C-alpha atoms as a PDB file:
ATOM      1  CA  MET A   1      -0.854   7.154  20.055  1.00  0.00           C
ATOM      2  CA  VAL A   2      -4.458   7.690  19.197  1.00  0.00           C
ATOM      3  CA  ASP A   3      -5.827   7.816  22.893  1.00  0.00           C
ATOM      4  CA  ASP A   4      -2.930  10.433  23.797  1.00  0.00           C
ATOM      5  CA  ARG A   5      -3.503  12.395  20.507  1.00  0.00           C
ATOM      6  CA  ARG A   6       0.196  11.968  19.637  1.00  0.00           C
ATOM      7  CA  VAL A   7      -0.411  11.841  16.004  1.00  0.00           C
ATOM      8  CA  ASP A   8      -2.935  13.586  13.862  1.00  0.00           C
ATOM      9  CA  GLY A   9      -3.691  10.655  11.693  1.00  0.00           C
ATOM     10  CA  VAL A  10      -3.268   7.106  10.891  1.00  0.00           C
ATOM     11  CA  ILE A  11      -2.575   5.109   7.536  1.00  0.00           C
ATOM     12  CA  VAL A  12      -3.517   1.602   8.166  1.00  0.00           C
ATOM     13  CA  MET A  13      -2.069  -1.094   6.140  1.00  0.00           C
ATOM     14  CA  GLU A  14      -2.635  -4.894   5.377  1.00  0.00           C
ATOM     15  CA  ILE A  15      -6.298  -4.467   5.886  1.00  0.00           C
ATOM     16  CA  ARG A  16      -8.527  -7.637   6.648  1.00  0.00           C
ATOM     17  CA  ARG A  17     -12.095  -8.349   6.090  1.00  0.00           C
ATOM     18  CA  GLU A  18     -12.844  -7.807   9.790  1.00  0.00           C
ATOM     19  CA  ASP A  19     -10.123  -5.494  11.023  1.00  0.00           C
ATOM     20  CA  ASP A  20     -10.155  -4.505  14.826  1.00  0.00           C
ATOM     21  CA  ARG A  21      -7.910  -1.622  13.883  1.00  0.00           C
ATOM     22  CA  VAL A  22     -10.162  -0.081  11.263  1.00  0.00           C
ATOM     23  CA  ALA A  23     -13.271  -0.616  13.689  1.00  0.00           C
ATOM     24  CA  TYR A  24     -11.715   1.082  16.412  1.00  0.00           C
ATOM     25  CA  LEU A  25     -10.651   4.218  14.347  1.00  0.00           C
ATOM     26  CA  ALA A  26     -13.940   4.435  12.636  1.00  0.00           C
ATOM     27  CA  GLU A  27     -15.919   4.172  16.097  1.00  0.00           C
ATOM     28  CA  ALA A  28     -13.445   6.625  17.580  1.00  0.00           C
ATOM     29  CA  GLY A  29     -13.938   9.031  14.569  1.00  0.00           C
ATOM     30  CA  PHE A  30     -10.206   9.412  14.637  1.00  0.00           C
ATOM     31  CA  PRO A  31      -8.714  10.586  11.012  1.00  0.00           C
ATOM     32  CA  PHE A  32      -7.331   7.608   9.032  1.00  0.00           C
ATOM     33  CA  VAL A  33      -7.076   6.338   5.772  1.00  0.00           C
ATOM     34  CA  ALA A  34      -6.368   2.840   4.500  1.00  0.00           C
ATOM     35  CA  ILE A  35      -3.918   0.774   1.980  1.00  0.00           C
ATOM     36  CA  GLY A  36      -6.735  -1.693   1.331  1.00  0.00           C
ATOM     37  CA  ARG A  37     -10.374  -1.893   2.149  1.00  0.00           C
ATOM     38  CA  ASN A  38     -13.232  -3.511   3.968  1.00  0.00           C
ATOM     39  CA  HIS A  39     -16.725  -2.396   4.675  1.00  0.00           C
ATOM     40  CA  ARG A  40     -15.749  -0.443   7.637  1.00  0.00           C
ATOM     41  CA  ALA A  41     -12.870   1.480   5.668  1.00  0.00           C
ATOM     42  CA  ASP A  42     -15.751   2.950   3.480  1.00  0.00           C
ATOM     43  CA  VAL A  43     -16.194   5.630   6.034  1.00  0.00           C
ATOM     44  CA  ALA A  44     -12.706   6.985   5.324  1.00  0.00           C
ATOM     45  CA  GLY A  45     -10.453   7.424   2.436  1.00  0.00           C
ATOM     46  CA  TRP A  46      -8.699   4.470   0.854  1.00  0.00           C
ATOM     47  CA  VAL A  47      -6.594   3.306  -2.022  1.00  0.00           C
ATOM     48  CA  ASP A  48      -6.431  -0.277  -2.992  1.00  0.00           C
ATOM     49  CA  LEU A  49      -5.570  -2.684  -6.094  1.00  0.00           C
ATOM     50  CA  ASP A  50      -8.426  -4.266  -7.701  1.00  0.00           C
ATOM     51  CA  PHE A  51      -7.137  -7.754  -6.818  1.00  0.00           C
ATOM     52  CA  ALA A  52     -10.202  -9.681  -7.874  1.00  0.00           C
ATOM     53  CA  GLY A  53     -10.189  -8.013 -11.313  1.00  0.00           C
ATOM     54  CA  LEU A  54      -6.370  -8.526 -11.708  1.00  0.00           C
ATOM     55  CA  ALA A  55      -6.710 -12.293 -10.840  1.00  0.00           C
ATOM     56  CA  GLY A  56      -9.758 -12.435 -13.392  1.00  0.00           C
ATOM     57  CA  GLY A  57      -7.549 -10.721 -15.978  1.00  0.00           C
ATOM     58  CA  CYS A  58      -4.727 -13.108 -15.452  1.00  0.00           C
ATOM     59  CA  VAL A  59      -7.033 -16.010 -16.057  1.00  0.00           C
ATOM     60  CA  GLN A  60      -8.399 -14.439 -19.185  1.00  0.00           C
ATOM     61  CA  HIS A  61      -4.910 -13.903 -20.471  1.00  0.00           C
ATOM     62  CA  LEU A  62      -4.158 -17.606 -20.180  1.00  0.00           C
ATOM     63  CA  ALA A  63      -7.507 -18.628 -21.577  1.00  0.00           C
ATOM     64  CA  ASP A  64      -6.909 -16.397 -24.571  1.00  0.00           C
ATOM     65  CA  LEU A  65      -3.577 -18.396 -25.112  1.00  0.00           C
ATOM     66  CA  GLY A  66      -5.675 -21.681 -25.344  1.00  0.00           C
ATOM     67  CA  HIS A  67      -5.162 -22.823 -21.677  1.00  0.00           C
ATOM     68  CA  ARG A  68      -8.217 -24.660 -19.958  1.00  0.00           C
ATOM     69  CA  ARG A  69      -6.289 -26.329 -17.047  1.00  0.00           C
ATOM     70  CA  ILE A  70      -5.561 -23.174 -14.928  1.00  0.00           C
ATOM     71  CA  ALA A  71      -4.469 -23.437 -11.192  1.00  0.00           C
ATOM     72  CA  PHE A  72      -4.269 -20.695  -8.618  1.00  0.00           C
ATOM     73  CA  VAL A  73      -1.602 -20.283  -6.280  1.00  0.00           C
ATOM     74  CA  ASN A  74      -2.761 -17.956  -3.274  1.00  0.00           C
ATOM     75  CA  ARG A  75      -0.997 -16.831  -0.205  1.00  0.00           C
ATOM     76  CA  SER A  76      -0.646 -18.652   3.032  1.00  0.00           C
ATOM     77  CA  GLU A  77      -3.538 -20.664   4.808  1.00  0.00           C
ATOM     78  CA  GLN A  78      -2.948 -18.388   7.768  1.00  0.00           C
ATOM     79  CA  LEU A  79      -3.296 -15.189   5.731  1.00  0.00           C
ATOM     80  CA  PHE A  80      -6.262 -16.585   3.935  1.00  0.00           C
ATOM     81  CA  ASN A  81      -8.161 -17.687   7.016  1.00  0.00           C
ATOM     82  CA  SER A  82      -7.446 -14.189   8.805  1.00  0.00           C
ATOM     83  CA  GLY A  83      -9.486 -12.611   6.283  1.00  0.00           C
ATOM     84  CA  TYR A  84      -6.613 -10.918   4.420  1.00  0.00           C
ATOM     85  CA  GLY A  85      -8.163  -8.854   1.585  1.00  0.00           C
ATOM     86  CA  PHE A  86      -5.498  -9.542  -0.957  1.00  0.00           C
ATOM     87  CA  ALA A  87      -5.878 -13.327  -0.648  1.00  0.00           C
ATOM     88  CA  ARG A  88      -9.743 -13.324  -0.551  1.00  0.00           C
ATOM     89  CA  LEU A  89     -10.248 -10.949  -3.319  1.00  0.00           C
ATOM     90  CA  GLY A  90      -7.861 -12.796  -5.422  1.00  0.00           C
ATOM     91  CA  ASP A  91      -9.442 -15.993  -4.752  1.00  0.00           C
ATOM     92  CA  GLU A  92     -12.889 -14.440  -5.779  1.00  0.00           C
ATOM     93  CA  GLY A  93     -11.789 -13.019  -8.775  1.00  0.00           C
ATOM     94  CA  TYR A  94     -10.061 -16.183 -10.249  1.00  0.00           C
ATOM     95  CA  THR A  95     -12.984 -18.595  -9.227  1.00  0.00           C
ATOM     96  CA  GLU A  96     -15.602 -16.021 -10.753  1.00  0.00           C
ATOM     97  CA  THR A  97     -13.648 -15.793 -13.948  1.00  0.00           C
ATOM     98  CA  MET A  98     -12.843 -19.504 -14.293  1.00  0.00           C
ATOM     99  CA  LYS A  99     -16.863 -20.304 -13.877  1.00  0.00           C
ATOM    100  CA  LYS A 100     -17.767 -17.670 -16.536  1.00  0.00           C
ATOM    101  CA  LEU A 101     -15.299 -19.432 -18.897  1.00  0.00           C
ATOM    102  CA  LEU A 102     -16.918 -22.806 -17.970  1.00  0.00           C
ATOM    103  CA  LEU A 103     -13.720 -23.905 -16.588  1.00  0.00           C
ATOM    104  CA  THR A 104     -13.199 -25.869 -13.334  1.00  0.00           C
ATOM    105  CA  PRO A 105     -11.264 -23.851 -10.630  1.00  0.00           C
ATOM    106  CA  HIS A 106      -8.525 -25.468  -8.642  1.00  0.00           C
ATOM    107  CA  ALA A 107      -7.199 -23.102  -5.920  1.00  0.00           C
ATOM    108  CA  TYR A 108      -4.380 -23.687  -3.668  1.00  0.00           C
ATOM    109  CA  LEU A 109      -2.913 -21.987  -0.481  1.00  0.00           C
ATOM    110  CA  CYS A 110       0.777 -21.695  -0.366  1.00  0.00           C
ATOM    111  CA  GLY A 111       3.344 -20.462   2.164  1.00  0.00           C
ATOM    112  CA  ASP A 112       5.291 -17.299   1.525  1.00  0.00           C
ATOM    113  CA  ASP A 113       8.755 -19.058   0.721  1.00  0.00           C
ATOM    114  CA  LEU A 114      10.664 -21.138  -1.738  1.00  0.00           C
ATOM    115  CA  ALA A 115       9.998 -24.469  -0.393  1.00  0.00           C
ATOM    116  CA  SER A 116       6.155 -23.878  -0.328  1.00  0.00           C
ATOM    117  CA  GLY A 117       6.266 -23.116  -3.710  1.00  0.00           C
ATOM    118  CA  GLU A 118       7.997 -26.262  -4.919  1.00  0.00           C
ATOM    119  CA  GLU A 119       5.407 -28.136  -2.735  1.00  0.00           C
ATOM    120  CA  VAL A 120       2.415 -26.507  -4.182  1.00  0.00           C
ATOM    121  CA  VAL A 121       3.563 -27.371  -7.722  1.00  0.00           C
ATOM    122  CA  GLU A 122       3.832 -30.921  -6.525  1.00  0.00           C
ATOM    123  CA  ARG A 123       0.215 -30.907  -5.318  1.00  0.00           C
ATOM    124  CA  ILE A 124      -1.020 -29.249  -8.392  1.00  0.00           C
ATOM    125  CA  LEU A 125       0.455 -31.839 -10.893  1.00  0.00           C
ATOM    126  CA  SER A 126      -0.310 -34.700  -8.649  1.00  0.00           C
ATOM    127  CA  GLU A 127      -4.108 -33.896  -8.481  1.00  0.00           C
ATOM    128  CA  ASP A 128      -4.170 -32.923 -12.234  1.00  0.00           C
ATOM    129  CA  PRO A 129      -1.152 -33.783 -14.265  1.00  0.00           C
ATOM    130  CA  ALA A 130      -2.846 -32.326 -17.393  1.00  0.00           C
ATOM    131  CA  THR A 131      -2.605 -28.606 -15.945  1.00  0.00           C
ATOM    132  CA  THR A 132      -0.786 -26.394 -18.335  1.00  0.00           C
ATOM    133  CA  SER A 133      -0.777 -23.122 -16.377  1.00  0.00           C
ATOM    134  CA  LEU A 134      -1.246 -21.201 -13.191  1.00  0.00           C
ATOM    135  CA  VAL A 135      -2.020 -17.824 -11.755  1.00  0.00           C
ATOM    136  CA  THR A 136      -0.140 -16.722  -8.760  1.00  0.00           C
ATOM    137  CA  MET A 137      -0.520 -13.981  -6.091  1.00  0.00           C
ATOM    138  CA  ASN A 138       2.225 -15.315  -4.044  1.00  0.00           C
ATOM    139  CA  GLU A 139       5.454 -13.538  -5.306  1.00  0.00           C
ATOM    140  CA  ALA A 140       7.624 -14.851  -2.295  1.00  0.00           C
ATOM    141  CA  ALA A 141       6.983 -18.322  -3.414  1.00  0.00           C
ATOM    142  CA  LEU A 142       7.542 -17.627  -7.136  1.00  0.00           C
ATOM    143  CA  GLU A 143      11.218 -19.016  -7.469  1.00  0.00           C
ATOM    144  CA  GLY A 144      10.006 -22.152  -5.674  1.00  0.00           C
ATOM    145  CA  VAL A 145       7.154 -22.567  -8.211  1.00  0.00           C
ATOM    146  CA  TYR A 146       9.608 -22.382 -11.006  1.00  0.00           C
ATOM    147  CA  ARG A 147      11.926 -24.969  -9.530  1.00  0.00           C
ATOM    148  CA  GLY A 148       8.901 -27.181  -8.851  1.00  0.00           C
ATOM    149  CA  LEU A 149       8.010 -26.940 -12.493  1.00  0.00           C
ATOM    150  CA  THR A 150      11.584 -27.814 -13.702  1.00  0.00           C
ATOM    151  CA  ARG A 151      11.771 -30.666 -11.455  1.00  0.00           C
ATOM    152  CA  ASN A 152       8.673 -32.043 -12.803  1.00  0.00           C
ATOM    153  CA  GLY A 153      10.024 -31.663 -16.500  1.00  0.00           C
ATOM    154  CA  ARG A 154       7.900 -28.720 -17.391  1.00  0.00           C
ATOM    155  CA  THR A 155       9.820 -25.846 -19.208  1.00  0.00           C
ATOM    156  CA  VAL A 156       8.279 -22.209 -18.839  1.00  0.00           C
ATOM    157  CA  PRO A 157       6.717 -21.135 -21.203  1.00  0.00           C
ATOM    158  CA  ARG A 158       7.086 -23.989 -23.569  1.00  0.00           C
ATOM    159  CA  ASP A 159       5.140 -26.652 -21.575  1.00  0.00           C
ATOM    160  CA  PHE A 160       3.630 -24.488 -18.765  1.00  0.00           C
ATOM    161  CA  SER A 161       2.536 -20.929 -18.487  1.00  0.00           C
ATOM    162  CA  VAL A 162       2.853 -18.850 -15.438  1.00  0.00           C
ATOM    163  CA  VAL A 163       1.072 -15.266 -14.707  1.00  0.00           C
ATOM    164  CA  GLY A 164       0.505 -13.430 -11.596  1.00  0.00           C
ATOM    165  CA  VAL A 165       0.358 -10.083  -9.557  1.00  0.00           C
ATOM    166  CA  ALA A 166       3.801  -9.109  -8.376  1.00  0.00           C
ATOM    167  CA  ALA A 167       6.023  -6.255  -7.829  1.00  0.00           C
ATOM    168  CA  SER A 168       8.622  -5.850 -10.569  1.00  0.00           C
ATOM    169  CA  PRO A 169      11.637  -6.782  -8.596  1.00  0.00           C
ATOM    170  CA  TRP A 170      10.001 -10.253  -7.888  1.00  0.00           C
ATOM    171  CA  ALA A 171       8.818 -10.681 -11.516  1.00  0.00           C
ATOM    172  CA  GLU A 172      12.136  -9.918 -12.935  1.00  0.00           C
ATOM    173  CA  GLN A 173      14.370 -12.043 -10.974  1.00  0.00           C
ATOM    174  CA  VAL A 174      12.981 -15.304 -12.264  1.00  0.00           C
ATOM    175  CA  ASN A 175      13.990 -16.819 -15.586  1.00  0.00           C
ATOM    176  CA  PRO A 176      11.977 -16.436 -17.757  1.00  0.00           C
ATOM    177  CA  PRO A 177      10.797 -13.145 -16.075  1.00  0.00           C
ATOM    178  CA  LEU A 178       7.032 -13.304 -15.131  1.00  0.00           C
ATOM    179  CA  THR A 179       4.336 -11.913 -16.981  1.00  0.00           C
ATOM    180  CA  ALA A 180       2.453  -9.918 -14.466  1.00  0.00           C
ATOM    181  CA  ALA A 181       0.188  -7.219 -13.121  1.00  0.00           C
ATOM    182  CA  GLU A 182       2.698  -5.144 -11.024  1.00  0.00           C
ATOM    183  CA  ILE A 183       1.810  -4.184  -7.542  1.00  0.00           C
ATOM    184  CA  PRO A 184       2.489  -0.214  -7.664  1.00  0.00           C
ATOM    185  CA  ALA A 185       3.643   0.124  -3.774  1.00  0.00           C
ATOM    186  CA  LYS A 186       5.248   3.464  -4.184  1.00  0.00           C
ATOM    187  CA  GLU A 187       2.125   4.844  -6.009  1.00  0.00           C
ATOM    188  CA  MET A 188      -0.333   3.304  -3.376  1.00  0.00           C
ATOM    189  CA  SER A 189       1.912   4.939  -0.491  1.00  0.00           C
ATOM    190  CA  ARG A 190       1.878   8.323  -2.367  1.00  0.00           C
ATOM    191  CA  VAL A 191      -1.891   8.291  -2.933  1.00  0.00           C
ATOM    192  CA  ALA A 192      -2.456   7.131   0.926  1.00  0.00           C
ATOM    193  CA  VAL A 193      -0.419  10.137   2.041  1.00  0.00           C
ATOM    194  CA  GLU A 194      -2.459  12.672  -0.326  1.00  0.00           C
ATOM    195  CA  LEU A 195      -5.697  11.136   1.040  1.00  0.00           C
ATOM    196  CA  MET A 196      -4.513  11.540   4.617  1.00  0.00           C
ATOM    197  CA  MET A 197      -3.455  15.219   4.035  1.00  0.00           C
ATOM    198  CA  ARG A 198      -6.925  15.852   2.330  1.00  0.00           C
ATOM    199  CA  ARG A 199      -8.663  14.281   5.347  1.00  0.00           C
ATOM    200  CA  LEU A 200      -6.746  16.527   7.742  1.00  0.00           C
ATOM    201  CA  ARG A 201      -7.204  19.778   5.694  1.00  0.00           C
ATOM    202  CA  SER A 202     -10.958  19.078   4.862  1.00  0.00           C
ATOM    203  CA  PRO A 203     -12.317  16.877   7.659  1.00  0.00           C
ATOM    204  CA  ASP A 204     -15.978  17.378   6.624  1.00  0.00           C
ATOM    205  CA  SER A 205     -15.317  16.332   2.874  1.00  0.00           C
ATOM    206  CA  PRO A 206     -16.704  13.034   1.525  1.00  0.00           C
ATOM    207  CA  PRO A 207     -14.056  10.357   1.703  1.00  0.00           C
ATOM    208  CA  ARG A 208     -12.389   9.504  -1.556  1.00  0.00           C
ATOM    209  CA  HIS A 209     -11.858   5.852  -2.670  1.00  0.00           C
ATOM    210  CA  VAL A 210      -9.016   5.044  -5.328  1.00  0.00           C
ATOM    211  CA  LEU A 211      -9.093   1.636  -6.905  1.00  0.00           C
ATOM    212  CA  LEU A 212      -5.894   0.886  -9.137  1.00  0.00           C
ATOM    213  CA  LYS A 213      -5.955  -1.822 -11.906  1.00  0.00           C
ATOM    214  CA  PRO A 214      -2.507  -1.867 -13.387  1.00  0.00           C
ATOM    215  CA  LEU A 215      -2.187  -3.520 -16.928  1.00  0.00           C
ATOM    216  CA  ILE A 216      -0.617  -6.938 -17.235  1.00  0.00           C
ATOM    217  CA  THR A 217       2.949  -6.502 -18.483  1.00  0.00           C
ATOM    218  CA  LEU A 218       3.959  -9.124 -20.973  1.00  0.00           C
ATOM    219  CA  ARG A 219       7.162 -10.838 -20.369  1.00  0.00           C
ATOM    220  CA  GLY A 220       8.484 -14.351 -21.062  1.00  0.00           C
ATOM    221  CA  SER A 221       6.533 -16.675 -18.901  1.00  0.00           C
ATOM    222  CA  THR A 222       3.319 -17.152 -20.908  1.00  0.00           C
ATOM    223  CA  GLY A 223       2.718 -19.029 -24.289  1.00  0.00           C
ATOM    224  CA  HIS A 224       0.224 -20.841 -26.253  1.00  0.00           C
ATOM    225  CA  CYS A 225      -1.229 -23.931 -24.575  1.00  0.00           C
ATOM    226  CA  ARG A 226       0.650 -27.078 -25.564  1.00  0.00           C
ATOM    227  CA  PRO A 227      -1.634 -29.992 -24.138  1.00  0.00           C
ATOM    228  CA  VAL A 228       0.274 -32.470 -21.999  1.00  0.00           C
ATOM    229  CA  PRO A 229       0.816 -35.838 -23.751  1.00  0.00           C
ATOM    230  CA  GLY A 230      -1.906 -38.319 -23.081  1.00  0.00           C
ATOM    231  CA  SER A 231      -4.155 -35.721 -21.851  1.00  0.00           C
ATOM    232  CA  GLU A 232      -6.123 -35.019 -25.178  1.00  0.00           C
ATOM    233  CA  PRO A 233      -9.726 -36.698 -24.966  1.00  0.00           C
ATOM    234  CA  GLU A 234     -10.134 -39.695 -26.974  1.00  0.00           C
ATOM    235  CA  SER A 235     -11.699 -39.309 -30.486  1.00  0.00           C
ATOM    236  CA  ASP A 236     -15.082 -39.966 -31.073  1.00  0.00           C
ATOM    237  CA  LEU A 237     -14.374 -41.371 -34.602  1.00  0.00           C
ATOM    238  CA  PRO A 238     -14.447 -45.116 -35.081  1.00  0.00           C
ATOM    239  CA  ASP A 239     -11.276 -46.999 -35.815  1.00  0.00           C
ATOM    240  CA  PHE A 240     -11.092 -48.391 -39.249  1.00  0.00           C
ATOM    241  CA  PRO A 241      -8.978 -51.394 -39.940  1.00  0.00           C
ATOM    242  CA  ASP A 242      -5.907 -51.084 -42.277  1.00  0.00           C
ATOM    243  CA  ILE A 243      -6.502 -52.345 -45.643  1.00  0.00           C
ATOM    244  CA  ASP A 244      -3.855 -53.232 -48.173  1.00  0.00           C
ATOM    245  CA  LEU A 245      -4.791 -52.179 -51.507  1.00  0.00           C
ATOM    246  CA  ASP A 246      -2.870 -53.716 -54.627  1.00  0.00           C
ATOM    247  CA  PHE A 247      -3.113 -51.838 -57.919  1.00  0.00           C
END
């Protein structure tokens, strides 16, 4: 389509850190804009979510509720290894915020399906049974995550809190509904079209970059931390013998 000039411009989605499509369009000087970003996309306009900031905000929300054992459920290993921006930026934001709070990060890759969601919960609780919360950027596995928690006797949000980045249809179909930063897909598409039209009308104007950071919508999936029984540290105070006093 580009070589034959059958289109005037291209909107590229699902950007990876190293993306042959973006590199090709940039080198060809062909008009394009991106939904997502990498270093080559800076030559053109792009619109993206602040996935690192959103993941960090989810961690902070849980920390404010007293949670200290916070896991991270990311996208699949295949997507992560391909350099998919959503997965890489989310991981960076989660890890950096955990370290700033002097907490130990525990990040997990998870397939985009129900069974994988159940399996990742098994892994999390097997490796650290004292985990009380998680941040997820894998909306397709969300129902499986809830099922896995139920199977392990964890009630959301009484025993375990879940927060994430998800489009509202996914966030609202689970029970309780997910506290989440919504992915504004329609808004991103609208902005991408506007950027494309601007690029075609004014090809010499500097590229515009739009970074969206939606607020976290509080629903029913997060609550104050209730430590898992037996996970509390031993008291440093000495044990005193019981003394019977007769008056």
